[in-house]
Amino acid sequence: MTPDDGGRATLDVGGGGPVPGAHRFSHTAMATVFEVHCVHAEARYAGQAAHAAFDEVDRLERELSRFTGNSDVARINGLAAGESTRVSPSTLECLEIARALFDLTNRAFDVSIGSGLESLDLDPDAFAVRAGADGVRIDLGGIGKGYAVDRMGEVMEEWEVPCVLVHGGFSSVLALEAPPDRGGWPLTLSAPGPGPQEVLARVSARQVAFSASGTQKGAHIVDPRTGRPVRERAAWVSLPRVDPGAGAQSPGGRSAAVAEGLSTAFMILPLEEVAAVCERCPGLEAWLLREPAEEGRAAALVHLLAPAG
């Protein structure tokens, strides 16, 4: 989504006022706008770091887009039963995250949209994917933007620019170290809808990933397990940032990618199942904007979080 799209849930940067001395750089990729907000003494150096991060996004788009003829995903989608293809480490990691989220959410998050994610065998030693059945089709758009945001944060750290916030389309956000004299980067959670957006909550972000998913009232997201539309209007997820070496099986490794997948799944899962996922994932928080039970009643914002300790 683009920053001026008022039809979906968003995470707006700067809800607590502008950050003094912050530089801002933008780049279009993956059908959205990616941005880097950072504080650094040298604007030129900060710009070089940001463009290195954008180069990484472009590389990932070439590998992960199903619309690019020879991308990893396009080759996977062309596999017949028994065939295999080599993929990049990034693509394999995205598939591992997708598989972990598929299991964690009881199939509510499914990058194959019901075509058989379980039929893909992943070989991390050979960086290969083998199809166990015909007709498996995947679309990594549900975590690809978040994964790109994760990698952007790592590139900025490699360039030794630690006070940074990066986002993709204002719906996937990763905050690293806070600006000087601030506890975190200011963000607002805004409701989907046309025209001026209603601010539902304000948060301060440091070493955390956020994701937002949602639709305008009257639009629908379909549950891939049943084909039925879901009731939620919007979902936001936050997850502490941890070392990616923690592994894809642990939500928090590649935190922005995991948060993006969970915000989509939480649009589908009933409230009790969202609460169960929160209980299994330390540090996870979720905000759900639920449709009113009847006309004339306001939509309710529900805040869920993992139990302390």
C-alpha atoms as a PDB file:
ATOM      1  CA  MET A   1       0.000   0.000   0.000  1.00  0.00           C
ATOM      2  CA  THR A   2       1.120   3.549  -0.552  1.00  0.00           C
ATOM      3  CA  PRO A   3       1.241   6.170   2.182  1.00  0.00           C
ATOM      4  CA  ASP A   4      -1.755   8.106   0.841  1.00  0.00           C
ATOM      5  CA  ASP A   5      -4.032   5.051   0.682  1.00  0.00           C
ATOM      6  CA  GLY A   6      -6.638   5.732   3.358  1.00  0.00           C
ATOM      7  CA  GLY A   7      -8.488   2.472   2.837  1.00  0.00           C
ATOM      8  CA  ARG A   8      -6.398   0.215   5.028  1.00  0.00           C
ATOM      9  CA  ALA A   9      -5.043   0.039   8.541  1.00  0.00           C
ATOM     10  CA  THR A  10      -1.798   1.964   8.930  1.00  0.00           C
ATOM     11  CA  LEU A  11       1.046   2.716  11.305  1.00  0.00           C
ATOM     12  CA  ASP A  12       1.848   6.388  10.854  1.00  0.00           C
ATOM     13  CA  VAL A  13       5.307   7.700  11.727  1.00  0.00           C
ATOM     14  CA  GLY A  14       5.588  10.877  13.761  1.00  0.00           C
ATOM     15  CA  GLY A  15       2.429  10.690  15.816  1.00  0.00           C
ATOM     16  CA  GLY A  16       4.205  12.411  18.689  1.00  0.00           C
ATOM     17  CA  GLY A  17       5.530  15.237  16.527  1.00  0.00           C
ATOM     18  CA  PRO A  18       8.546  15.477  14.195  1.00  0.00           C
ATOM     19  CA  VAL A  19      11.850  14.000  15.312  1.00  0.00           C
ATOM     20  CA  PRO A  20      14.483  16.775  15.362  1.00  0.00           C
ATOM     21  CA  GLY A  21      17.460  16.087  13.119  1.00  0.00           C
ATOM     22  CA  ALA A  22      15.953  13.005  11.443  1.00  0.00           C
ATOM     23  CA  HIS A  23      16.742  12.353   7.787  1.00  0.00           C
ATOM     24  CA  ARG A  24      14.124  10.742   5.544  1.00  0.00           C
ATOM     25  CA  PHE A  25      14.745   8.754   2.365  1.00  0.00           C
ATOM     26  CA  SER A  26      12.174   7.040   0.114  1.00  0.00           C
ATOM     27  CA  HIS A  27      12.186   4.332  -2.552  1.00  0.00           C
ATOM     28  CA  THR A  28       9.451   2.623  -4.565  1.00  0.00           C
ATOM     29  CA  ALA A  29       9.527  -1.191  -4.753  1.00  0.00           C
ATOM     30  CA  MET A  30       7.185  -4.158  -4.261  1.00  0.00           C
ATOM     31  CA  ALA A  31       4.269  -1.944  -5.373  1.00  0.00           C
ATOM     32  CA  THR A  32       4.685   0.342  -2.350  1.00  0.00           C
ATOM     33  CA  VAL A  33       6.950   3.023  -0.886  1.00  0.00           C
ATOM     34  CA  PHE A  34       9.752   2.066   1.482  1.00  0.00           C
ATOM     35  CA  GLU A  35      11.256   4.725   3.742  1.00  0.00           C
ATOM     36  CA  VAL A  36      14.224   5.139   6.050  1.00  0.00           C
ATOM     37  CA  HIS A  37      13.994   7.629   8.929  1.00  0.00           C
ATOM     38  CA  CYS A  38      17.320   7.988  10.723  1.00  0.00           C
ATOM     39  CA  VAL A  39      19.333  10.280  12.933  1.00  0.00           C
ATOM     40  CA  HIS A  40      22.974  10.697  11.922  1.00  0.00           C
ATOM     41  CA  ALA A  41      25.440  13.569  11.997  1.00  0.00           C
ATOM     42  CA  GLU A  42      26.255  13.265   8.274  1.00  0.00           C
ATOM     43  CA  ALA A  43      23.261  13.458   5.953  1.00  0.00           C
ATOM     44  CA  ARG A  44      25.257  12.286   2.951  1.00  0.00           C
ATOM     45  CA  TYR A  45      26.500   9.184   4.729  1.00  0.00           C
ATOM     46  CA  ALA A  46      22.992   8.456   6.016  1.00  0.00           C
ATOM     47  CA  GLY A  47      21.722   8.686   2.428  1.00  0.00           C
ATOM     48  CA  GLN A  48      24.343   6.224   1.210  1.00  0.00           C
ATOM     49  CA  ALA A  49      23.321   3.774   3.925  1.00  0.00           C
ATOM     50  CA  ALA A  50      19.641   4.185   3.041  1.00  0.00           C
ATOM     51  CA  HIS A  51      20.300   3.535  -0.643  1.00  0.00           C
ATOM     52  CA  ALA A  52      22.258   0.400   0.238  1.00  0.00           C
ATOM     53  CA  ALA A  53      19.163  -0.735   2.148  1.00  0.00           C
ATOM     54  CA  PHE A  54      16.960   0.048  -0.874  1.00  0.00           C
ATOM     55  CA  ASP A  55      19.314  -1.976  -3.104  1.00  0.00           C
ATOM     56  CA  GLU A  56      18.642  -4.939  -0.822  1.00  0.00           C
ATOM     57  CA  VAL A  57      14.883  -4.450  -1.244  1.00  0.00           C
ATOM     58  CA  ASP A  58      15.285  -4.467  -5.036  1.00  0.00           C
ATOM     59  CA  ARG A  59      17.316  -7.676  -4.858  1.00  0.00           C
ATOM     60  CA  LEU A  60      14.661  -9.357  -2.758  1.00  0.00           C
ATOM     61  CA  GLU A  61      11.898  -8.254  -5.113  1.00  0.00           C
ATOM     62  CA  ARG A  62      13.696  -9.948  -8.023  1.00  0.00           C
ATOM     63  CA  GLU A  63      13.850 -13.192  -6.033  1.00  0.00           C
ATOM     64  CA  LEU A  64      10.452 -13.189  -4.316  1.00  0.00           C
ATOM     65  CA  SER A  65       8.044 -11.716  -6.875  1.00  0.00           C
ATOM     66  CA  ARG A  66       5.765 -14.246  -8.554  1.00  0.00           C
ATOM     67  CA  PHE A  67       5.389 -11.801 -11.444  1.00  0.00           C
ATOM     68  CA  THR A  68       9.082 -11.911 -12.439  1.00  0.00           C
ATOM     69  CA  GLY A  69       9.662 -14.637 -15.007  1.00  0.00           C
ATOM     70  CA  ASN A  70      12.761 -16.313 -13.570  1.00  0.00           C
ATOM     71  CA  SER A  71      12.332 -15.428  -9.903  1.00  0.00           C
ATOM     72  CA  ASP A  72      12.685 -18.131  -7.273  1.00  0.00           C
ATOM     73  CA  VAL A  73       8.938 -18.030  -6.611  1.00  0.00           C
ATOM     74  CA  ALA A  74       8.051 -18.243 -10.316  1.00  0.00           C
ATOM     75  CA  ARG A  75      10.250 -21.321 -10.670  1.00  0.00           C
ATOM     76  CA  ILE A  76       8.680 -22.941  -7.600  1.00  0.00           C
ATOM     77  CA  ASN A  77       5.228 -22.284  -9.019  1.00  0.00           C
ATOM     78  CA  GLY A  78       6.228 -24.027 -12.228  1.00  0.00           C
ATOM     79  CA  LEU A  79       7.320 -27.267 -10.540  1.00  0.00           C
ATOM     80  CA  ALA A  80       5.564 -30.526 -11.309  1.00  0.00           C
ATOM     81  CA  ALA A  81       5.392 -33.320  -8.729  1.00  0.00           C
ATOM     82  CA  GLY A  82       8.884 -34.678  -8.065  1.00  0.00           C
ATOM     83  CA  GLU A  83      10.713 -31.696  -9.554  1.00  0.00           C
ATOM     84  CA  SER A  84      12.952 -29.351  -7.578  1.00  0.00           C
ATOM     85  CA  THR A  85      14.715 -26.016  -7.978  1.00  0.00           C
ATOM     86  CA  ARG A  86      17.511 -24.198  -6.220  1.00  0.00           C
ATOM     87  CA  VAL A  87      16.616 -20.949  -4.460  1.00  0.00           C
ATOM     88  CA  SER A  88      18.458 -18.183  -2.649  1.00  0.00           C
ATOM     89  CA  PRO A  89      19.016 -18.283   1.124  1.00  0.00           C
ATOM     90  CA  SER A  90      16.525 -15.403   1.439  1.00  0.00           C
ATOM     91  CA  THR A  91      13.774 -17.265  -0.402  1.00  0.00           C
ATOM     92  CA  LEU A  92      14.368 -20.399   1.632  1.00  0.00           C
ATOM     93  CA  GLU A  93      14.230 -18.414   4.863  1.00  0.00           C
ATOM     94  CA  CYS A  94      10.927 -16.806   3.813  1.00  0.00           C
ATOM     95  CA  LEU A  95       9.496 -20.246   3.105  1.00  0.00           C
ATOM     96  CA  GLU A  96      10.654 -21.507   6.504  1.00  0.00           C
ATOM     97  CA  ILE A  97       8.969 -18.536   8.185  1.00  0.00           C
ATOM     98  CA  ALA A  98       5.812 -19.144   6.137  1.00  0.00           C
ATOM     99  CA  ARG A  99       5.761 -22.799   7.154  1.00  0.00           C
ATOM    100  CA  ALA A 100       6.218 -21.896  10.844  1.00  0.00           C
ATOM    101  CA  LEU A 101       3.374 -19.361  10.655  1.00  0.00           C
ATOM    102  CA  PHE A 102       1.170 -21.879   8.831  1.00  0.00           C
ATOM    103  CA  ASP A 103       1.549 -24.232  11.796  1.00  0.00           C
ATOM    104  CA  LEU A 104       1.330 -21.537  14.483  1.00  0.00           C
ATOM    105  CA  THR A 105      -1.915 -20.062  13.113  1.00  0.00           C
ATOM    106  CA  ASN A 106      -3.646 -23.369  12.367  1.00  0.00           C
ATOM    107  CA  ARG A 107      -3.368 -22.729   8.593  1.00  0.00           C
ATOM    108  CA  ALA A 108      -4.933 -19.244   8.764  1.00  0.00           C
ATOM    109  CA  PHE A 109      -1.731 -17.848   7.238  1.00  0.00           C
ATOM    110  CA  ASP A 110      -1.117 -19.817   4.052  1.00  0.00           C
ATOM    111  CA  VAL A 111       1.158 -18.471   1.297  1.00  0.00           C
ATOM    112  CA  SER A 112      -0.174 -21.216  -1.001  1.00  0.00           C
ATOM    113  CA  ILE A 113      -3.810 -20.109  -0.476  1.00  0.00           C
ATOM    114  CA  GLY A 114      -4.838 -23.723   0.006  1.00  0.00           C
ATOM    115  CA  SER A 115      -2.916 -25.158  -2.959  1.00  0.00           C
ATOM    116  CA  GLY A 116      -0.669 -27.352  -0.809  1.00  0.00           C
ATOM    117  CA  LEU A 117       2.108 -25.650   1.152  1.00  0.00           C
ATOM    118  CA  GLU A 118       2.643 -28.939   2.992  1.00  0.00           C
ATOM    119  CA  SER A 119       3.615 -30.533  -0.341  1.00  0.00           C
ATOM    120  CA  LEU A 120       6.761 -28.423  -0.655  1.00  0.00           C
ATOM    121  CA  ASP A 121       9.885 -30.059   0.777  1.00  0.00           C
ATOM    122  CA  LEU A 122      12.587 -27.612   1.870  1.00  0.00           C
ATOM    123  CA  ASP A 123      16.244 -28.660   1.790  1.00  0.00           C
ATOM    124  CA  PRO A 124      18.245 -26.024   3.709  1.00  0.00           C
ATOM    125  CA  ASP A 125      21.573 -27.747   3.019  1.00  0.00           C
ATOM    126  CA  ALA A 126      21.142 -27.669  -0.745  1.00  0.00           C
ATOM    127  CA  PHE A 127      19.018 -24.466  -0.798  1.00  0.00           C
ATOM    128  CA  ALA A 128      16.437 -26.382  -2.796  1.00  0.00           C
ATOM    129  CA  VAL A 129      12.664 -26.718  -2.901  1.00  0.00           C
ATOM    130  CA  ARG A 130      10.982 -29.917  -4.114  1.00  0.00           C
ATOM    131  CA  ALA A 131       7.313 -30.231  -5.047  1.00  0.00           C
ATOM    132  CA  GLY A 132       5.568 -33.321  -3.737  1.00  0.00           C
ATOM    133  CA  ALA A 133       2.446 -32.648  -5.801  1.00  0.00           C
ATOM    134  CA  ASP A 134       1.325 -30.804  -8.915  1.00  0.00           C
ATOM    135  CA  GLY A 135      -0.272 -27.388  -8.779  1.00  0.00           C
ATOM    136  CA  VAL A 136       1.306 -25.833  -5.693  1.00  0.00           C
ATOM    137  CA  ARG A 137       1.288 -22.055  -6.119  1.00  0.00           C
ATOM    138  CA  ILE A 138       2.792 -19.671  -3.570  1.00  0.00           C
ATOM    139  CA  ASP A 139       2.723 -15.917  -3.120  1.00  0.00           C
ATOM    140  CA  LEU A 140       5.176 -14.518  -0.565  1.00  0.00           C
ATOM    141  CA  GLY A 141       3.577 -11.077  -0.612  1.00  0.00           C
ATOM    142  CA  GLY A 142       2.164 -11.712   2.858  1.00  0.00           C
ATOM    143  CA  ILE A 143       5.633 -11.708   4.447  1.00  0.00           C
ATOM    144  CA  GLY A 144       7.953 -10.438   1.701  1.00  0.00           C
ATOM    145  CA  LYS A 145       7.556  -6.766   2.578  1.00  0.00           C
ATOM    146  CA  GLY A 146       8.181  -7.458   6.258  1.00  0.00           C
ATOM    147  CA  TYR A 147      11.207  -9.576   5.399  1.00  0.00           C
ATOM    148  CA  ALA A 148      12.569  -6.717   3.273  1.00  0.00           C
ATOM    149  CA  VAL A 149      12.068  -4.336   6.205  1.00  0.00           C
ATOM    150  CA  ASP A 150      14.013  -6.735   8.452  1.00  0.00           C
ATOM    151  CA  ARG A 151      16.884  -6.782   5.996  1.00  0.00           C
ATOM    152  CA  MET A 152      16.824  -2.992   5.643  1.00  0.00           C
ATOM    153  CA  GLY A 153      17.314  -2.690   9.380  1.00  0.00           C
ATOM    154  CA  GLU A 154      20.293  -5.028   9.243  1.00  0.00           C
ATOM    155  CA  VAL A 155      21.874  -3.091   6.382  1.00  0.00           C
ATOM    156  CA  MET A 156      21.533   0.163   8.326  1.00  0.00           C
ATOM    157  CA  GLU A 157      23.240  -1.477  11.300  1.00  0.00           C
ATOM    158  CA  GLU A 158      26.030  -2.724   9.027  1.00  0.00           C
ATOM    159  CA  TRP A 159      26.533   0.908   7.998  1.00  0.00           C
ATOM    160  CA  GLU A 160      26.634   1.839  11.717  1.00  0.00           C
ATOM    161  CA  VAL A 161      23.462   3.948  11.588  1.00  0.00           C
ATOM    162  CA  PRO A 162      21.652   2.549  14.649  1.00  0.00           C
ATOM    163  CA  CYS A 163      19.072   5.303  15.314  1.00  0.00           C
ATOM    164  CA  VAL A 164      16.697   4.309  12.546  1.00  0.00           C
ATOM    165  CA  LEU A 165      13.119   3.396  11.706  1.00  0.00           C
ATOM    166  CA  VAL A 166      12.302   1.722   8.398  1.00  0.00           C
ATOM    167  CA  HIS A 167       8.915   0.876   6.908  1.00  0.00           C
ATOM    168  CA  GLY A 168       7.254  -0.523   3.826  1.00  0.00           C
ATOM    169  CA  GLY A 169       4.041   1.246   2.898  1.00  0.00           C
ATOM    170  CA  PHE A 170       3.363   2.268   6.515  1.00  0.00           C
ATOM    171  CA  SER A 171       2.024  -1.233   7.187  1.00  0.00           C
ATOM    172  CA  SER A 172       5.333  -2.973   8.035  1.00  0.00           C
ATOM    173  CA  VAL A 173       7.563  -1.039  10.434  1.00  0.00           C
ATOM    174  CA  LEU A 174      10.838  -1.823  12.181  1.00  0.00           C
ATOM    175  CA  ALA A 175      12.251   0.490  14.849  1.00  0.00           C
ATOM    176  CA  LEU A 176      15.850   0.100  15.958  1.00  0.00           C
ATOM    177  CA  GLU A 177      17.469   2.463  18.462  1.00  0.00           C
ATOM    178  CA  ALA A 178      15.492   5.529  19.503  1.00  0.00           C
ATOM    179  CA  PRO A 179      16.444   9.075  18.527  1.00  0.00           C
ATOM    180  CA  PRO A 180      18.453  11.018  21.119  1.00  0.00           C
ATOM    181  CA  ASP A 181      16.442  12.227  24.102  1.00  0.00           C
ATOM    182  CA  ARG A 182      13.472  10.033  23.157  1.00  0.00           C
ATOM    183  CA  GLY A 183      12.295   6.711  24.507  1.00  0.00           C
ATOM    184  CA  GLY A 184      11.291   5.531  21.057  1.00  0.00           C
ATOM    185  CA  TRP A 185      10.052   6.428  17.596  1.00  0.00           C
ATOM    186  CA  PRO A 186       6.503   7.860  17.734  1.00  0.00           C
ATOM    187  CA  LEU A 187       3.863   5.832  15.888  1.00  0.00           C
ATOM    188  CA  THR A 188       0.093   5.992  15.665  1.00  0.00           C
ATOM    189  CA  LEU A 189      -2.330   3.155  14.907  1.00  0.00           C
ATOM    190  CA  SER A 190      -4.952   4.462  12.481  1.00  0.00           C
ATOM    191  CA  ALA A 191      -8.256   2.854  11.511  1.00  0.00           C
ATOM    192  CA  PRO A 192      -9.043   1.934   7.896  1.00  0.00           C
ATOM    193  CA  GLY A 193     -11.532   4.075   6.043  1.00  0.00           C
ATOM    194  CA  PRO A 194     -11.875   6.853   3.489  1.00  0.00           C
ATOM    195  CA  GLY A 195     -10.939  10.418   4.337  1.00  0.00           C
ATOM    196  CA  PRO A 196      -9.146  11.463   7.546  1.00  0.00           C
ATOM    197  CA  GLN A 197      -8.148   8.411   9.541  1.00  0.00           C
ATOM    198  CA  GLU A 198      -9.183   7.922  13.161  1.00  0.00           C
ATOM    199  CA  VAL A 199      -6.201   7.535  15.510  1.00  0.00           C
ATOM    200  CA  LEU A 200      -6.848   4.552  17.772  1.00  0.00           C
ATOM    201  CA  ALA A 201      -3.613   4.418  19.761  1.00  0.00           C
ATOM    202  CA  ARG A 202      -0.197   6.036  20.065  1.00  0.00           C
ATOM    203  CA  VAL A 203       2.923   4.022  20.775  1.00  0.00           C
ATOM    204  CA  SER A 204       6.642   4.614  21.233  1.00  0.00           C
ATOM    205  CA  ALA A 205       8.769   2.083  19.347  1.00  0.00           C
ATOM    206  CA  ARG A 206      12.310   0.874  20.043  1.00  0.00           C
ATOM    207  CA  GLN A 207      13.800  -2.478  18.968  1.00  0.00           C
ATOM    208  CA  VAL A 208      10.380  -3.677  17.867  1.00  0.00           C
ATOM    209  CA  ALA A 209       8.536  -4.605  14.679  1.00  0.00           C
ATOM    210  CA  PHE A 210       4.960  -3.575  13.884  1.00  0.00           C
ATOM    211  CA  SER A 211       2.559  -4.677  11.181  1.00  0.00           C
ATOM    212  CA  ALA A 212      -0.946  -3.574  10.197  1.00  0.00           C
ATOM    213  CA  SER A 213      -3.595  -5.377   8.139  1.00  0.00           C
ATOM    214  CA  GLY A 214      -7.097  -4.224   7.405  1.00  0.00           C
ATOM    215  CA  THR A 215      -9.841  -3.327   4.973  1.00  0.00           C
ATOM    216  CA  GLN A 216     -12.480  -0.664   4.621  1.00  0.00           C
ATOM    217  CA  LYS A 217     -15.865  -1.471   6.086  1.00  0.00           C
ATOM    218  CA  GLY A 218     -17.742  -3.594   3.580  1.00  0.00           C
ATOM    219  CA  ALA A 219     -14.606  -5.094   2.022  1.00  0.00           C
ATOM    220  CA  HIS A 220     -13.592  -8.651   2.853  1.00  0.00           C
ATOM    221  CA  ILE A 221     -10.567 -10.827   3.507  1.00  0.00           C
ATOM    222  CA  VAL A 222     -11.263 -14.496   2.845  1.00  0.00           C
ATOM    223  CA  ASP A 223     -10.268 -17.292   5.208  1.00  0.00           C
ATOM    224  CA  PRO A 224      -8.129 -19.641   3.042  1.00  0.00           C
ATOM    225  CA  ARG A 225      -9.394 -22.628   5.043  1.00  0.00           C
ATOM    226  CA  THR A 226     -13.090 -22.025   4.390  1.00  0.00           C
ATOM    227  CA  GLY A 227     -13.454 -19.455   1.619  1.00  0.00           C
ATOM    228  CA  ARG A 228     -15.666 -17.365   3.917  1.00  0.00           C
ATOM    229  CA  PRO A 229     -15.086 -13.636   4.590  1.00  0.00           C
ATOM    230  CA  VAL A 230     -13.769 -12.628   7.995  1.00  0.00           C
ATOM    231  CA  ARG A 231     -15.376 -10.238  10.472  1.00  0.00           C
ATOM    232  CA  GLU A 232     -12.414  -8.182  11.657  1.00  0.00           C
ATOM    233  CA  ARG A 233     -11.822  -4.771  10.090  1.00  0.00           C
ATOM    234  CA  ALA A 234      -8.193  -4.368  11.116  1.00  0.00           C
ATOM    235  CA  ALA A 235      -5.357  -5.949  13.086  1.00  0.00           C
ATOM    236  CA  TRP A 236      -2.049  -4.592  14.335  1.00  0.00           C
ATOM    237  CA  VAL A 237       0.794  -6.689  15.728  1.00  0.00           C
ATOM    238  CA  SER A 238       3.997  -5.767  17.543  1.00  0.00           C
ATOM    239  CA  LEU A 239       6.870  -8.128  18.231  1.00  0.00           C
ATOM    240  CA  PRO A 240      10.223  -7.481  19.918  1.00  0.00           C
ATOM    241  CA  ARG A 241      13.170  -7.522  17.575  1.00  0.00           C
ATOM    242  CA  VAL A 242      15.603 -10.362  18.279  1.00  0.00           C
ATOM    243  CA  ASP A 243      18.676 -11.847  16.658  1.00  0.00           C
ATOM    244  CA  PRO A 244      17.605 -13.461  13.337  1.00  0.00           C
ATOM    245  CA  GLY A 245      19.852 -16.354  14.333  1.00  0.00           C
ATOM    246  CA  ALA A 246      17.082 -17.389  16.723  1.00  0.00           C
ATOM    247  CA  GLY A 247      15.605 -19.174  13.726  1.00  0.00           C
ATOM    248  CA  ALA A 248      12.418 -19.047  11.728  1.00  0.00           C
ATOM    249  CA  GLN A 249      10.679 -21.524  14.029  1.00  0.00           C
ATOM    250  CA  SER A 250      10.791 -18.939  16.817  1.00  0.00           C
ATOM    251  CA  PRO A 251       8.490 -15.982  16.108  1.00  0.00           C
ATOM    252  CA  GLY A 252      10.775 -13.013  16.584  1.00  0.00           C
ATOM    253  CA  GLY A 253      13.538 -14.212  14.240  1.00  0.00           C
ATOM    254  CA  ARG A 254      12.920 -11.800  11.330  1.00  0.00           C
ATOM    255  CA  SER A 255      10.421  -9.986  13.505  1.00  0.00           C
ATOM    256  CA  ALA A 256       8.885  -7.746  10.832  1.00  0.00           C
ATOM    257  CA  ALA A 257       8.197 -10.722   8.540  1.00  0.00           C
ATOM    258  CA  VAL A 258       6.610 -12.670  11.385  1.00  0.00           C
ATOM    259  CA  ALA A 259       4.551  -9.654  12.490  1.00  0.00           C
ATOM    260  CA  GLU A 260       3.303  -9.156   8.933  1.00  0.00           C
ATOM    261  CA  GLY A 261       2.137 -12.746   8.685  1.00  0.00           C
ATOM    262  CA  LEU A 262       0.471 -12.643  12.097  1.00  0.00           C
ATOM    263  CA  SER A 263      -1.420  -9.408  11.395  1.00  0.00           C
ATOM    264  CA  THR A 264      -2.956 -11.089   8.346  1.00  0.00           C
ATOM    265  CA  ALA A 265      -3.787 -14.265  10.269  1.00  0.00           C
ATOM    266  CA  PHE A 266      -5.336 -12.263  13.118  1.00  0.00           C
ATOM    267  CA  MET A 267      -7.856 -10.842  10.661  1.00  0.00           C
ATOM    268  CA  ILE A 268      -9.075 -14.428  10.253  1.00  0.00           C
ATOM    269  CA  LEU A 269      -8.682 -16.189  13.596  1.00  0.00           C
ATOM    270  CA  PRO A 270     -11.363 -15.927  16.300  1.00  0.00           C
ATOM    271  CA  LEU A 271     -10.440 -13.882  19.337  1.00  0.00           C
ATOM    272  CA  GLU A 272      -9.703 -16.893  21.542  1.00  0.00           C
ATOM    273  CA  GLU A 273      -7.233 -18.300  19.005  1.00  0.00           C
ATOM    274  CA  VAL A 274      -5.469 -14.935  18.713  1.00  0.00           C
ATOM    275  CA  ALA A 275      -5.139 -14.924  22.504  1.00  0.00           C
ATOM    276  CA  ALA A 276      -3.694 -18.461  22.379  1.00  0.00           C
ATOM    277  CA  VAL A 277      -1.055 -17.379  19.845  1.00  0.00           C
ATOM    278  CA  CYS A 278      -0.129 -14.406  22.046  1.00  0.00           C
ATOM    279  CA  GLU A 279       0.347 -16.744  25.000  1.00  0.00           C
ATOM    280  CA  ARG A 280       2.820 -18.825  22.974  1.00  0.00           C
ATOM    281  CA  CYS A 281       4.917 -15.883  21.735  1.00  0.00           C
ATOM    282  CA  PRO A 282       6.809 -13.852  24.366  1.00  0.00           C
ATOM    283  CA  GLY A 283       6.486 -10.112  23.830  1.00  0.00           C
ATOM    284  CA  LEU A 284       3.757 -10.353  21.197  1.00  0.00           C
ATOM    285  CA  GLU A 285       0.989  -7.724  21.307  1.00  0.00           C
ATOM    286  CA  ALA A 286      -2.092  -7.470  19.111  1.00  0.00           C
ATOM    287  CA  TRP A 287      -4.786  -4.843  18.591  1.00  0.00           C
ATOM    288  CA  LEU A 288      -7.987  -5.938  16.825  1.00  0.00           C
ATOM    289  CA  LEU A 289     -10.614  -3.568  15.505  1.00  0.00           C
ATOM    290  CA  ARG A 290     -13.706  -5.740  15.487  1.00  0.00           C
ATOM    291  CA  GLU A 291     -16.857  -5.118  13.481  1.00  0.00           C
ATOM    292  CA  PRO A 292     -19.838  -4.026  15.610  1.00  0.00           C
ATOM    293  CA  ALA A 293     -22.294  -6.775  16.432  1.00  0.00           C
ATOM    294  CA  GLU A 294     -25.156  -4.679  15.108  1.00  0.00           C
ATOM    295  CA  GLU A 295     -25.739  -1.420  13.251  1.00  0.00           C
ATOM    296  CA  GLY A 296     -25.439   1.697  15.362  1.00  0.00           C
ATOM    297  CA  ARG A 297     -22.749   0.317  17.662  1.00  0.00           C
ATOM    298  CA  ALA A 298     -19.149   1.447  17.442  1.00  0.00           C
ATOM    299  CA  ALA A 299     -16.446  -0.972  16.382  1.00  0.00           C
ATOM    300  CA  ALA A 300     -14.454  -2.222  19.388  1.00  0.00           C
ATOM    301  CA  LEU A 301     -10.665  -2.092  19.695  1.00  0.00           C
ATOM    302  CA  VAL A 302      -9.377  -5.135  21.594  1.00  0.00           C
ATOM    303  CA  HIS A 303      -5.793  -5.192  22.940  1.00  0.00           C
ATOM    304  CA  LEU A 304      -4.173  -8.569  23.599  1.00  0.00           C
ATOM    305  CA  LEU A 305      -0.657  -9.276  24.802  1.00  0.00           C
ATOM    306  CA  ALA A 306       1.539 -12.128  25.909  1.00  0.00           C
ATOM    307  CA  PRO A 307       1.475 -12.734  29.681  1.00  0.00           C
ATOM    308  CA  ALA A 308       4.419 -11.275  31.593  1.00  0.00           C
ATOM    309  CA  GLY A 309       7.032 -13.711  32.770  1.00  0.00           C
END
